[in-house]
Amino acid sequence: MKSYTLAVALAMLLSALYAFQNPGDVTVRFLLYERTVPQGLWEVLLFSSGVVLMWLFSLGALLEVRKKYRSQLKAAEKRAEGLEEERKSLLAAFQHRNGQEVLPQPAADPSSAGVSLADPAPLEASEEGMQGHP
């Protein structure tokens, strides 16, 4: 953020220097509007308005991209929840098939976006029991 502030300050300084070195007057006409302003000031105003306009357009594009990524993130979280439920049901089925009691699984950590690495020991035990089965 410091470099951004420094760049803006430098651009303002150069713009002021340019405006003072070009004191000649120009007549600006636009539709019914007509005004005489110093050339340097007019060019600095045009440049500044262009900067603001492009910033607004880039802000709109940024918001559009953020919306797209948010929807993708929600879809991925929903898919992860479904996969977590499927993993739990498969683990319970394996434990039931091997005659083990079904162990309660701890709740998934919300910071891991629905992905849980809870207690791999029952899975390893069921894999060992499955080695002799086709």
C-alpha atoms as a PDB file:
ATOM      1  CA  MET A   1       0.000   0.000   0.000  1.00  0.00           C
ATOM      2  CA  LYS A   2       2.929   2.324   0.640  1.00  0.00           C
ATOM      3  CA  SER A   3       4.172   1.928  -2.935  1.00  0.00           C
ATOM      4  CA  TYR A   4       0.700   2.761  -4.263  1.00  0.00           C
ATOM      5  CA  THR A   5       0.561   5.936  -2.175  1.00  0.00           C
ATOM      6  CA  LEU A   6       4.063   6.864  -3.298  1.00  0.00           C
ATOM      7  CA  ALA A   7       3.123   6.351  -6.960  1.00  0.00           C
ATOM      8  CA  VAL A   8       0.017   8.537  -6.599  1.00  0.00           C
ATOM      9  CA  ALA A   9       2.025  11.279  -4.870  1.00  0.00           C
ATOM     10  CA  LEU A  10       4.675  11.173  -7.599  1.00  0.00           C
ATOM     11  CA  ALA A  11       2.004  11.356 -10.345  1.00  0.00           C
ATOM     12  CA  MET A  12       0.411  14.345  -8.613  1.00  0.00           C
ATOM     13  CA  LEU A  13       3.773  16.108  -8.345  1.00  0.00           C
ATOM     14  CA  LEU A  14       4.574  15.504 -12.029  1.00  0.00           C
ATOM     15  CA  SER A  15       1.087  16.671 -13.026  1.00  0.00           C
ATOM     16  CA  ALA A  16       1.475  19.895 -11.058  1.00  0.00           C
ATOM     17  CA  LEU A  17       4.906  20.477 -12.606  1.00  0.00           C
ATOM     18  CA  TYR A  18       3.433  19.906 -16.098  1.00  0.00           C
ATOM     19  CA  ALA A  19       0.540  22.294 -15.413  1.00  0.00           C
ATOM     20  CA  PHE A  20       2.890  25.079 -14.272  1.00  0.00           C
ATOM     21  CA  GLN A  21       5.155  24.659 -17.318  1.00  0.00           C
ATOM     22  CA  ASN A  22       2.239  24.907 -19.794  1.00  0.00           C
ATOM     23  CA  PRO A  23       0.415  28.103 -18.804  1.00  0.00           C
ATOM     24  CA  GLY A  24      -0.995  28.866 -22.268  1.00  0.00           C
ATOM     25  CA  ASP A  25      -4.773  29.091 -22.506  1.00  0.00           C
ATOM     26  CA  VAL A  26      -6.908  26.752 -24.593  1.00  0.00           C
ATOM     27  CA  THR A  27     -10.576  27.042 -25.458  1.00  0.00           C
ATOM     28  CA  VAL A  28     -12.514  23.912 -24.620  1.00  0.00           C
ATOM     29  CA  ARG A  29     -15.741  23.367 -26.558  1.00  0.00           C
ATOM     30  CA  PHE A  30     -18.101  20.471 -25.919  1.00  0.00           C
ATOM     31  CA  LEU A  31     -21.660  20.583 -27.238  1.00  0.00           C
ATOM     32  CA  LEU A  32     -23.002  23.852 -25.774  1.00  0.00           C
ATOM     33  CA  TYR A  33     -20.166  24.209 -23.253  1.00  0.00           C
ATOM     34  CA  GLU A  34     -17.286  26.592 -24.000  1.00  0.00           C
ATOM     35  CA  ARG A  35     -14.602  27.684 -21.588  1.00  0.00           C
ATOM     36  CA  THR A  36     -11.040  28.976 -21.676  1.00  0.00           C
ATOM     37  CA  VAL A  37      -8.680  27.193 -19.265  1.00  0.00           C
ATOM     38  CA  PRO A  38      -4.884  26.876 -18.924  1.00  0.00           C
ATOM     39  CA  GLN A  39      -3.523  24.120 -21.162  1.00  0.00           C
ATOM     40  CA  GLY A  40      -1.619  22.307 -18.405  1.00  0.00           C
ATOM     41  CA  LEU A  41      -4.596  22.313 -16.066  1.00  0.00           C
ATOM     42  CA  TRP A  42      -6.914  21.046 -18.806  1.00  0.00           C
ATOM     43  CA  GLU A  43      -4.604  18.140 -19.719  1.00  0.00           C
ATOM     44  CA  VAL A  44      -4.111  17.183 -16.056  1.00  0.00           C
ATOM     45  CA  LEU A  45      -7.903  17.217 -15.559  1.00  0.00           C
ATOM     46  CA  LEU A  46      -8.412  15.008 -18.620  1.00  0.00           C
ATOM     47  CA  PHE A  47      -5.745  12.568 -17.462  1.00  0.00           C
ATOM     48  CA  SER A  48      -7.173  12.451 -13.925  1.00  0.00           C
ATOM     49  CA  SER A  49     -10.704  11.850 -15.175  1.00  0.00           C
ATOM     50  CA  GLY A  50      -9.396   9.028 -17.378  1.00  0.00           C
ATOM     51  CA  VAL A  51      -7.664   7.464 -14.388  1.00  0.00           C
ATOM     52  CA  VAL A  52     -10.847   7.633 -12.301  1.00  0.00           C
ATOM     53  CA  LEU A  53     -12.957   6.210 -15.140  1.00  0.00           C
ATOM     54  CA  MET A  54     -10.580   3.277 -15.711  1.00  0.00           C
ATOM     55  CA  TRP A  55     -10.457   2.627 -11.959  1.00  0.00           C
ATOM     56  CA  LEU A  56     -14.261   2.395 -11.899  1.00  0.00           C
ATOM     57  CA  PHE A  57     -14.264  -0.049 -14.820  1.00  0.00           C
ATOM     58  CA  SER A  58     -11.570  -2.195 -13.201  1.00  0.00           C
ATOM     59  CA  LEU A  59     -13.523  -2.166  -9.931  1.00  0.00           C
ATOM     60  CA  GLY A  60     -16.581  -3.473 -11.795  1.00  0.00           C
ATOM     61  CA  ALA A  61     -14.487  -6.215 -13.419  1.00  0.00           C
ATOM     62  CA  LEU A  62     -13.018  -7.137 -10.030  1.00  0.00           C
ATOM     63  CA  LEU A  63     -16.473  -7.483  -8.505  1.00  0.00           C
ATOM     64  CA  GLU A  64     -17.575  -9.668 -11.422  1.00  0.00           C
ATOM     65  CA  VAL A  65     -14.590 -11.995 -10.994  1.00  0.00           C
ATOM     66  CA  ARG A  66     -15.139 -12.168  -7.220  1.00  0.00           C
ATOM     67  CA  LYS A  67     -18.746 -13.198  -7.769  1.00  0.00           C
ATOM     68  CA  LYS A  68     -17.644 -15.970 -10.124  1.00  0.00           C
ATOM     69  CA  TYR A  69     -15.057 -17.305  -7.667  1.00  0.00           C
ATOM     70  CA  ARG A  70     -17.530 -17.156  -4.775  1.00  0.00           C
ATOM     71  CA  SER A  71     -20.001 -19.305  -6.691  1.00  0.00           C
ATOM     72  CA  GLN A  72     -17.231 -21.776  -7.551  1.00  0.00           C
ATOM     73  CA  LEU A  73     -16.179 -21.900  -3.898  1.00  0.00           C
ATOM     74  CA  LYS A  74     -19.752 -22.563  -2.751  1.00  0.00           C
ATOM     75  CA  ALA A  75     -20.081 -25.384  -5.285  1.00  0.00           C
ATOM     76  CA  ALA A  76     -16.784 -26.909  -4.113  1.00  0.00           C
ATOM     77  CA  GLU A  77     -17.850 -26.689  -0.455  1.00  0.00           C
ATOM     78  CA  LYS A  78     -21.171 -28.356  -1.269  1.00  0.00           C
ATOM     79  CA  ARG A  79     -19.373 -31.134  -3.126  1.00  0.00           C
ATOM     80  CA  ALA A  80     -16.934 -31.583  -0.215  1.00  0.00           C
ATOM     81  CA  GLU A  81     -19.859 -31.906   2.215  1.00  0.00           C
ATOM     82  CA  GLY A  82     -21.411 -34.571   0.006  1.00  0.00           C
ATOM     83  CA  LEU A  83     -18.132 -36.456  -0.234  1.00  0.00           C
ATOM     84  CA  GLU A  84     -17.687 -36.251   3.546  1.00  0.00           C
ATOM     85  CA  GLU A  85     -21.154 -37.753   4.073  1.00  0.00           C
ATOM     86  CA  GLU A  86     -20.365 -40.485   1.552  1.00  0.00           C
ATOM     87  CA  ARG A  87     -17.067 -41.233   3.322  1.00  0.00           C
ATOM     88  CA  LYS A  88     -18.846 -41.509   6.656  1.00  0.00           C
ATOM     89  CA  SER A  89     -21.484 -43.877   5.278  1.00  0.00           C
ATOM     90  CA  LEU A  90     -18.860 -46.054   3.570  1.00  0.00           C
ATOM     91  CA  LEU A  91     -16.793 -46.187   6.738  1.00  0.00           C
ATOM     92  CA  ALA A  92     -19.866 -47.174   8.744  1.00  0.00           C
ATOM     93  CA  ALA A  93     -20.718 -49.866   6.175  1.00  0.00           C
ATOM     94  CA  PHE A  94     -17.179 -51.302   6.308  1.00  0.00           C
ATOM     95  CA  GLN A  95     -17.241 -51.338  10.090  1.00  0.00           C
ATOM     96  CA  HIS A  96     -20.672 -52.998  10.129  1.00  0.00           C
ATOM     97  CA  ARG A  97     -19.554 -55.608   7.578  1.00  0.00           C
ATOM     98  CA  ASN A  98     -16.487 -56.540   9.653  1.00  0.00           C
ATOM     99  CA  GLY A  99     -18.560 -56.842  12.813  1.00  0.00           C
ATOM    100  CA  GLN A 100     -16.959 -53.838  14.464  1.00  0.00           C
ATOM    101  CA  GLU A 101     -19.054 -51.387  16.376  1.00  0.00           C
ATOM    102  CA  VAL A 102     -19.634 -48.122  14.602  1.00  0.00           C
ATOM    103  CA  LEU A 103     -17.446 -45.446  16.166  1.00  0.00           C
ATOM    104  CA  PRO A 104     -18.818 -41.911  16.253  1.00  0.00           C
ATOM    105  CA  GLN A 105     -16.824 -39.568  14.029  1.00  0.00           C
ATOM    106  CA  PRO A 106     -15.852 -36.135  15.329  1.00  0.00           C
ATOM    107  CA  ALA A 107     -17.368 -33.156  13.561  1.00  0.00           C
ATOM    108  CA  ALA A 108     -15.425 -31.817  10.622  1.00  0.00           C
ATOM    109  CA  ASP A 109     -13.275 -28.753  11.242  1.00  0.00           C
ATOM    110  CA  PRO A 110     -14.992 -25.776   9.550  1.00  0.00           C
ATOM    111  CA  SER A 111     -11.636 -24.244   8.620  1.00  0.00           C
ATOM    112  CA  SER A 112     -10.849 -27.243   6.401  1.00  0.00           C
ATOM    113  CA  ALA A 113     -13.901 -26.544   4.188  1.00  0.00           C
ATOM    114  CA  GLY A 114     -15.628 -29.817   4.966  1.00  0.00           C
ATOM    115  CA  VAL A 115     -12.567 -32.042   4.550  1.00  0.00           C
ATOM    116  CA  SER A 116     -11.921 -34.147   7.611  1.00  0.00           C
ATOM    117  CA  LEU A 117      -8.981 -36.370   8.380  1.00  0.00           C
ATOM    118  CA  ALA A 118     -10.608 -37.701  11.536  1.00  0.00           C
ATOM    119  CA  ASP A 119      -9.213 -40.909  13.049  1.00  0.00           C
ATOM    120  CA  PRO A 120      -7.656 -42.961  10.208  1.00  0.00           C
ATOM    121  CA  ALA A 121      -7.215 -45.998  12.508  1.00  0.00           C
ATOM    122  CA  PRO A 122     -10.699 -47.531  11.849  1.00  0.00           C
ATOM    123  CA  LEU A 123     -10.099 -47.242   8.115  1.00  0.00           C
ATOM    124  CA  GLU A 124      -6.734 -49.004   8.394  1.00  0.00           C
ATOM    125  CA  ALA A 125      -8.322 -51.754  10.484  1.00  0.00           C
ATOM    126  CA  SER A 126     -11.053 -52.271   7.923  1.00  0.00           C
ATOM    127  CA  GLU A 127      -8.485 -52.369   5.094  1.00  0.00           C
ATOM    128  CA  GLU A 128      -6.585 -55.123   6.927  1.00  0.00           C
ATOM    129  CA  GLY A 129      -9.809 -57.075   7.315  1.00  0.00           C
ATOM    130  CA  MET A 130     -10.584 -56.638   3.606  1.00  0.00           C
ATOM    131  CA  GLN A 131      -7.297 -58.155   2.360  1.00  0.00           C
ATOM    132  CA  GLY A 132      -8.681 -61.677   2.301  1.00  0.00           C
ATOM    133  CA  HIS A 133     -11.962 -60.625   0.666  1.00  0.00           C
ATOM    134  CA  PRO A 134     -12.371 -60.020  -3.088  1.00  0.00           C
END
